[in-house]
Amino acid sequence: MNRIYNMEHIRKKIIDKLLSSDLDSYPVSLFHGKMGLSIFFYHLSKIESNPEYQSKAEELLDRILLHDLSHNQSIDVEDGLAGIGLGVTYLIKNRFVEGDLNDLLEEIDNTIYRRIAFQTDPSQFSPTQLLHLTGYLYVRLKEQTDKNLQMLYQDLIIKVLNMLYERIDDEFMTESYSFSIYHYQLPVLLWILSKLLEACFYNERIYRMLDTLQLSILSRFPLLHSNRLFLLWGMLYLKPYLHDTAWSNYIQLLYREISVDEILNNEMKGRKIFISNGLSSVYILLQLINNNFPDYPIPFDPQTIYNQIQNSDAWNALIERDYFYEIHHGLVNGFPGVQLVLNHDFYKI
């Protein structure tokens, strides 16, 4: 009982610290700033029926849409306009806010269109930015009912995907030395390709890409079990579109060689609790795989993960160390995302 009280006290203290912060000084971004925090407070207001959280969520969203958007901003997902677009899409789709999505995102999409359509130097974007932009454009494509707009988004996706393909190298394929959704790009690429194949407008080219990349992908095997889990997640979404048995055999190998105990006891020690690099992301991946792919169940005890997160000294560090709080106040890289996982309310995205 005492531990539960202490955790609740710490949680409330951190949220109060966030509420009292100068949020205008935060970046506008989805991963690290106001857009992610708006999502966090909308969720928190629903979970706790707290009007203060609702008010803060609305204040942040209004600030973003009415004051913070700039044609000079980055257009990427992590820190830029595409991330704002994804955040607004999420809020509307989950009925936190009402509005016409295409109208709300018209200015953002026009800026993204101009930056991409007239870009002749692919090196102006990093592979990560191109990867995430492809995902964003796919999300926007799904919202279009006008044939001309559908073709426009398809053309943008084709351009960005081809720029990305030219940038794929050994570094892109190689796992990071520690688990990080930022630094291991291959699983996200496979997930995005599965969605584009489902959309069925560029399939022949995507299959040629996969044929070319197959040896490079299948000749590597992640060392970290957490990276194996991440890769399995991406591959399972792509699996229905893969007809070569080599892919199936590799997926089976990945599935057999994942140890949740190894992930929890050895790879997620210390302060690795965040969505960006730790236990929260592992929890989301396990839930997604178990909920969506019943042929590949991975048994785990959610309470074990909750306990490990709550017992981490990251919570005390968030209160006691200003530098640690400044690094970890965002949705993806900080305690807001962790809090939503602990409230069982985030893996449903």
Protein backbone atom coordinates (compact mmCIF):
# COMPACT_ATOMS: atom_id res chain seq x y z
CA MET A 1 0.00 0.00 0.00
CA ASN A 2 2.84 2.38 0.87
CA ARG A 3 4.52 1.81 -2.50
CA ILE A 4 1.26 2.54 -4.34
CA TYR A 5 0.83 5.74 -2.37
CA ASN A 6 4.39 6.79 -3.15
CA MET A 7 3.97 6.14 -6.86
CA GLU A 8 0.71 8.09 -6.96
CA HIS A 9 2.39 10.94 -5.10
CA ILE A 10 5.29 10.95 -7.55
CA ARG A 11 2.98 10.77 -10.56
CA LYS A 12 0.90 13.69 -9.35
CA LYS A 13 3.98 15.72 -8.55
CA ILE A 14 5.38 15.21 -12.06
CA ILE A 15 2.07 16.11 -13.73
CA ASP A 16 1.81 19.23 -11.54
CA LYS A 17 5.35 20.14 -12.58
CA LEU A 18 4.31 19.83 -16.20
CA LEU A 19 1.16 21.89 -15.69
CA SER A 20 3.14 24.67 -14.03
CA SER A 21 5.84 24.70 -16.70
CA ASP A 22 6.09 27.41 -19.33
CA LEU A 23 4.65 25.28 -22.10
CA ASP A 24 5.14 28.11 -24.60
CA SER A 25 8.86 27.42 -24.31
CA TYR A 26 8.35 23.82 -25.46
CA PRO A 27 8.75 22.87 -29.11
CA VAL A 28 5.60 22.33 -31.12
CA SER A 29 6.49 18.72 -31.97
CA LEU A 30 4.56 15.48 -31.65
CA PHE A 31 7.39 13.47 -30.10
CA HIS A 32 8.90 16.03 -27.73
CA GLY A 33 6.58 19.01 -27.41
CA LYS A 34 3.13 20.56 -27.36
CA MET A 35 1.37 18.27 -29.85
CA GLY A 36 2.28 15.17 -27.87
CA LEU A 37 1.40 16.86 -24.60
CA SER A 38 -2.01 17.86 -25.95
CA ILE A 39 -2.68 14.18 -26.73
CA PHE A 40 -1.48 13.26 -23.25
CA PHE A 41 -3.80 15.70 -21.49
CA TYR A 42 -6.77 14.69 -23.65
CA HIS A 43 -6.21 11.08 -22.58
CA LEU A 44 -5.67 12.05 -18.97
CA SER A 45 -8.86 14.13 -18.90
CA LYS A 46 -10.80 11.09 -20.14
CA ILE A 47 -9.16 8.72 -17.67
CA GLU A 48 -9.56 10.94 -14.62
CA SER A 49 -12.53 13.15 -15.65
CA ASN A 50 -10.46 16.18 -14.72
CA PRO A 51 -11.55 19.47 -16.37
CA GLU A 52 -8.12 21.02 -15.71
CA TYR A 53 -6.52 18.42 -17.98
CA GLN A 54 -9.18 18.98 -20.64
CA SER A 55 -8.54 22.72 -20.51
CA LYS A 56 -4.78 22.25 -20.83
CA ALA A 57 -5.21 19.88 -23.79
CA GLU A 58 -7.42 22.39 -25.60
CA GLU A 59 -5.08 25.28 -24.77
CA LEU A 60 -2.12 23.43 -26.23
CA LEU A 61 -3.97 22.42 -29.39
CA ASP A 62 -5.27 25.96 -29.94
CA ARG A 63 -1.78 27.35 -29.45
CA ILE A 64 -0.40 24.95 -32.05
CA LEU A 65 -3.05 25.50 -34.72
CA LEU A 66 -3.58 29.24 -34.26
CA HIS A 67 -0.12 30.53 -33.40
CA ASP A 68 2.72 28.03 -33.75
CA LEU A 69 2.49 26.75 -37.30
CA SER A 70 5.06 28.19 -39.68
CA HIS A 71 5.84 27.62 -43.33
CA ASN A 72 9.51 27.57 -42.30
CA GLN A 73 9.11 24.64 -39.93
CA SER A 74 10.53 21.22 -40.61
CA ILE A 75 8.02 18.96 -42.31
CA ASP A 76 9.10 15.74 -40.60
CA VAL A 77 7.07 13.65 -38.15
CA GLU A 78 9.28 13.81 -35.09
CA ASP A 79 9.66 17.58 -34.83
CA GLY A 80 7.71 19.13 -37.67
CA LEU A 81 4.47 19.64 -39.55
CA ALA A 82 3.81 16.01 -40.43
CA GLY A 83 3.87 15.17 -36.73
CA ILE A 84 1.30 17.89 -36.06
CA GLY A 85 -0.81 16.40 -38.83
CA LEU A 86 -0.62 12.93 -37.30
CA GLY A 87 -1.46 14.31 -33.88
CA VAL A 88 -4.55 16.16 -35.14
CA THR A 89 -5.59 13.05 -37.08
CA TYR A 90 -5.29 10.95 -33.93
CA LEU A 91 -7.37 13.36 -31.85
CA ILE A 92 -10.17 13.52 -34.41
CA LYS A 93 -10.22 9.78 -35.14
CA ASN A 94 -10.46 9.04 -31.41
CA ARG A 95 -13.18 11.70 -30.96
CA PHE A 96 -11.25 13.89 -28.56
CA VAL A 97 -11.99 16.84 -30.85
CA GLU A 98 -14.37 17.50 -33.73
CA GLY A 99 -13.67 19.03 -37.11
CA ASP A 100 -13.10 18.39 -40.79
CA LEU A 101 -9.70 16.74 -40.92
CA ASN A 102 -8.88 17.79 -44.47
CA ASP A 103 -9.79 21.42 -43.74
CA LEU A 104 -7.72 21.49 -40.55
CA LEU A 105 -4.68 20.01 -42.28
CA GLU A 106 -4.93 21.90 -45.57
CA GLU A 107 -2.21 24.43 -44.71
CA ILE A 108 0.10 21.76 -43.33
CA ASP A 109 -0.39 19.51 -46.34
CA ASN A 110 0.14 22.36 -48.79
CA THR A 111 3.47 23.16 -47.16
CA ILE A 112 4.52 19.50 -47.19
CA TYR A 113 3.45 19.19 -50.83
CA ARG A 114 5.55 22.19 -51.89
CA ARG A 115 8.62 20.97 -50.02
CA ILE A 116 8.42 17.51 -51.56
CA ALA A 117 7.16 18.23 -55.05
CA PHE A 118 9.88 20.79 -55.79
CA GLN A 119 12.69 18.97 -54.00
CA THR A 120 15.40 17.82 -56.38
CA ASP A 121 18.05 16.89 -53.80
CA PRO A 122 17.06 13.83 -51.72
CA SER A 123 19.97 14.45 -49.34
CA GLN A 124 18.00 17.37 -47.89
CA PHE A 125 16.01 14.74 -46.00
CA SER A 126 17.44 12.04 -43.75
CA PRO A 127 16.32 8.43 -44.35
CA THR A 128 14.36 8.62 -41.09
CA GLN A 129 12.53 11.74 -42.23
CA LEU A 130 11.69 10.14 -45.57
CA LEU A 131 10.49 6.98 -43.86
CA HIS A 132 8.19 8.88 -41.51
CA LEU A 133 6.94 11.17 -44.28
CA THR A 134 5.94 8.12 -46.32
CA GLY A 135 3.89 6.93 -43.37
CA TYR A 136 2.27 10.34 -42.92
CA LEU A 137 1.32 10.61 -46.58
CA TYR A 138 -0.23 7.13 -46.43
CA VAL A 139 -2.36 8.23 -43.46
CA ARG A 140 -3.48 11.31 -45.40
CA LEU A 141 -4.17 9.27 -48.53
CA LYS A 142 -6.68 7.17 -46.59
CA GLU A 143 -8.69 10.29 -45.80
CA GLN A 144 -9.16 11.36 -49.43
CA THR A 145 -12.37 10.68 -51.33
CA ASP A 146 -11.69 12.96 -54.29
CA LYS A 147 -9.97 11.02 -57.09
CA ASN A 148 -7.68 13.91 -58.02
CA LEU A 149 -6.50 14.30 -54.43
CA GLN A 150 -5.97 10.56 -54.15
CA MET A 151 -3.71 10.67 -57.20
CA LEU A 152 -1.82 13.66 -55.79
CA TYR A 153 -1.05 11.86 -52.53
CA GLN A 154 -0.14 8.71 -54.40
CA ASP A 155 2.32 10.67 -56.53
CA LEU A 156 3.88 12.22 -53.41
CA ILE A 157 4.20 8.80 -51.76
CA ILE A 158 5.88 7.42 -54.87
CA LYS A 159 8.38 10.28 -54.94
CA VAL A 160 9.22 10.05 -51.23
CA LEU A 161 9.42 6.25 -51.26
CA ASN A 162 11.81 6.28 -54.22
CA MET A 163 13.98 8.91 -52.49
CA LEU A 164 14.00 6.70 -49.41
CA TYR A 165 14.90 3.59 -51.39
CA GLU A 166 17.94 5.37 -52.81
CA ARG A 167 19.10 6.14 -49.25
CA ILE A 168 18.78 2.62 -47.81
CA ASP A 169 22.22 1.32 -46.90
CA ASP A 170 23.87 -1.01 -44.37
CA GLU A 171 23.40 1.48 -41.56
CA PHE A 172 19.67 1.64 -42.26
CA MET A 173 19.42 -2.15 -42.08
CA THR A 174 21.56 -2.59 -38.96
CA GLU A 175 20.08 -2.75 -35.47
CA SER A 176 21.12 -0.20 -32.85
CA TYR A 177 23.37 -1.27 -30.00
CA SER A 178 20.59 -0.56 -27.52
CA PHE A 179 16.85 -0.68 -28.16
CA SER A 180 15.55 2.52 -29.76
CA ILE A 181 12.61 3.15 -32.06
CA TYR A 182 14.60 6.08 -33.46
CA HIS A 183 17.68 4.15 -34.50
CA TYR A 184 16.37 0.85 -35.87
CA GLN A 185 14.49 1.76 -39.03
CA LEU A 186 13.90 -1.58 -40.74
CA PRO A 187 10.79 -2.65 -38.75
CA VAL A 188 9.04 0.65 -39.49
CA LEU A 189 9.92 0.37 -43.19
CA LEU A 190 8.35 -3.10 -43.38
CA TRP A 191 5.21 -1.90 -41.61
CA ILE A 192 4.86 1.06 -43.99
CA LEU A 193 5.41 -1.15 -47.05
CA SER A 194 2.65 -3.46 -45.81
CA LYS A 195 0.26 -0.52 -45.64
CA LEU A 196 1.19 0.67 -49.11
CA LEU A 197 0.68 -2.84 -50.52
CA GLU A 198 -2.73 -2.84 -48.86
CA ALA A 199 -3.51 0.47 -50.59
CA CYS A 200 -2.65 -1.27 -53.86
CA PHE A 201 -1.42 1.49 -56.15
CA TYR A 202 2.38 0.91 -56.40
CA ASN A 203 2.63 -2.79 -55.69
CA GLU A 204 4.79 -3.89 -58.60
CA ARG A 205 7.52 -1.42 -57.69
CA ILE A 206 7.32 -2.27 -53.97
CA TYR A 207 7.68 -5.98 -54.71
CA ARG A 208 10.78 -5.21 -56.79
CA MET A 209 12.19 -3.22 -53.87
CA LEU A 210 11.56 -6.14 -51.51
CA ASP A 211 13.18 -8.59 -53.93
CA THR A 212 16.26 -6.38 -54.08
CA LEU A 213 16.42 -5.91 -50.31
CA GLN A 214 15.59 -9.50 -49.39
CA LEU A 215 19.13 -10.83 -49.07
CA SER A 216 20.27 -7.84 -47.05
CA ILE A 217 17.33 -8.20 -44.69
CA LEU A 218 17.34 -11.96 -44.26
CA SER A 219 21.11 -12.27 -43.89
CA ARG A 220 21.03 -10.26 -40.64
CA PHE A 221 19.65 -11.40 -37.32
CA PRO A 222 19.20 -8.93 -34.45
CA LEU A 223 21.37 -9.53 -31.42
CA LEU A 224 18.97 -7.87 -28.97
CA HIS A 225 15.76 -9.71 -28.20
CA SER A 226 13.94 -6.38 -28.03
CA ASN A 227 15.05 -5.62 -31.58
CA ARG A 228 13.87 -9.09 -32.63
CA LEU A 229 10.48 -8.25 -31.17
CA PHE A 230 10.42 -4.94 -33.02
CA LEU A 231 11.40 -6.61 -36.30
CA LEU A 232 8.83 -9.38 -35.83
CA TRP A 233 6.13 -6.73 -35.42
CA GLY A 234 7.04 -5.14 -38.77
CA MET A 235 7.41 -8.47 -40.57
CA LEU A 236 4.08 -9.85 -39.39
CA TYR A 237 2.23 -6.96 -40.99
CA LEU A 238 4.09 -7.61 -44.23
CA LYS A 239 3.77 -11.41 -44.09
CA PRO A 240 0.47 -11.71 -46.02
CA TYR A 241 2.16 -10.11 -49.03
CA LEU A 242 5.31 -12.25 -48.96
CA HIS A 243 5.17 -15.45 -50.99
CA ASP A 244 8.79 -16.63 -50.83
CA THR A 245 9.20 -19.26 -48.10
CA ALA A 246 12.51 -17.67 -47.11
CA TRP A 247 10.55 -14.81 -45.53
CA SER A 248 8.26 -17.21 -43.66
CA ASN A 249 11.21 -19.22 -42.39
CA TYR A 250 12.90 -16.06 -41.16
CA ILE A 251 9.72 -14.94 -39.36
CA GLN A 252 9.46 -18.32 -37.66
CA LEU A 253 13.09 -18.08 -36.57
CA LEU A 254 12.52 -14.59 -35.17
CA TYR A 255 9.44 -15.77 -33.32
CA ARG A 256 11.22 -18.76 -31.76
CA GLU A 257 14.23 -16.72 -30.68
CA ILE A 258 12.48 -14.00 -28.67
CA SER A 259 12.78 -14.22 -24.90
CA VAL A 260 10.62 -11.78 -22.95
CA ASP A 261 12.59 -12.65 -19.81
CA GLU A 262 15.83 -11.65 -21.55
CA ILE A 263 14.27 -8.35 -22.61
CA LEU A 264 12.94 -7.51 -19.15
CA ASN A 265 15.81 -8.79 -17.02
CA ASN A 266 18.84 -7.79 -19.09
CA GLU A 267 17.98 -5.38 -21.90
CA MET A 268 15.60 -3.02 -20.09
CA LYS A 269 17.54 -2.30 -16.92
CA GLY A 270 17.90 1.10 -15.28
CA ARG A 271 15.87 3.99 -16.58
CA LYS A 272 14.74 2.40 -19.86
CA ILE A 273 11.03 2.91 -19.35
CA PHE A 274 10.07 5.28 -22.18
CA ILE A 275 8.35 4.63 -25.51
CA SER A 276 11.43 5.83 -27.34
CA ASN A 277 13.80 3.31 -25.82
CA GLY A 278 12.28 1.06 -23.21
CA LEU A 279 9.65 -0.92 -21.42
CA SER A 280 6.68 1.13 -22.61
CA SER A 281 7.52 0.39 -26.22
CA VAL A 282 8.07 -3.29 -25.44
CA TYR A 283 4.64 -3.42 -23.81
CA ILE A 284 2.98 -1.78 -26.83
CA LEU A 285 4.71 -4.17 -29.27
CA LEU A 286 3.71 -7.24 -27.24
CA GLN A 287 0.10 -6.08 -27.10
CA LEU A 288 -0.01 -5.32 -30.81
CA ILE A 289 1.41 -8.71 -31.76
CA ASN A 290 -0.83 -10.66 -29.36
CA ASN A 291 -3.96 -8.74 -30.35
CA ASN A 292 -3.43 -8.75 -34.12
CA PHE A 293 -1.54 -11.98 -34.82
CA PRO A 294 -3.07 -14.87 -32.83
CA ASP A 295 -0.84 -17.38 -34.65
CA TYR A 296 2.20 -15.76 -33.04
CA PRO A 297 1.30 -15.38 -29.37
CA ILE A 298 4.04 -14.18 -27.04
CA PRO A 299 3.06 -14.91 -23.43
CA PHE A 300 3.91 -12.20 -20.92
CA ASP A 301 2.57 -10.80 -17.68
CA PRO A 302 1.61 -7.13 -18.07
CA GLN A 303 1.84 -6.63 -14.32
CA THR A 304 5.52 -7.56 -14.41
CA ILE A 305 6.16 -4.75 -16.89
CA TYR A 306 4.04 -2.30 -14.88
CA ASN A 307 5.96 -3.17 -11.72
CA GLN A 308 9.32 -2.79 -13.44
CA ILE A 309 8.31 0.61 -14.82
CA GLN A 310 7.01 1.81 -11.48
CA ASN A 311 10.07 0.57 -9.58
CA SER A 312 12.48 2.35 -11.92
CA ASP A 313 14.46 5.19 -10.38
CA ALA A 314 13.56 7.22 -13.49
CA TRP A 315 10.57 8.60 -11.57
CA ASN A 316 12.68 10.06 -8.79
CA ALA A 317 15.12 11.40 -11.37
CA LEU A 318 12.27 13.23 -13.10
CA ILE A 319 11.55 15.07 -9.87
CA GLU A 320 15.06 15.57 -8.56
CA ARG A 321 17.13 16.19 -11.69
CA ASP A 322 16.08 19.10 -13.88
CA TYR A 323 18.17 17.95 -16.84
CA PHE A 324 16.50 14.53 -16.79
CA TYR A 325 13.05 16.11 -16.67
CA GLU A 326 13.89 18.42 -19.59
CA ILE A 327 14.99 15.44 -21.69
CA HIS A 328 11.98 13.33 -20.74
CA HIS A 329 8.87 15.52 -20.66
CA GLY A 330 7.66 14.59 -24.17
CA LEU A 331 5.08 12.03 -25.22
CA VAL A 332 7.44 9.60 -26.96
CA ASN A 333 10.67 10.23 -25.10
CA GLY A 334 9.21 10.97 -21.67
CA PHE A 335 6.89 10.23 -18.78
CA PRO A 336 3.57 11.23 -20.50
CA GLY A 337 3.76 8.21 -22.81
CA VAL A 338 4.79 5.97 -19.92
CA GLN A 339 1.84 7.19 -17.88
CA LEU A 340 -0.60 6.31 -20.66
CA VAL A 341 0.88 2.81 -20.84
CA LEU A 342 0.43 2.42 -17.09
CA ASN A 343 -3.19 3.50 -17.55
CA HIS A 344 -3.68 0.79 -20.20
CA ASP A 345 -4.72 3.47 -22.66
CA PHE A 346 -1.97 3.84 -25.23
CA TYR A 347 -1.40 0.61 -27.13
CA LYS A 348 -4.81 1.06 -28.80
CA ILE A 349 -3.40 3.76 -31.11
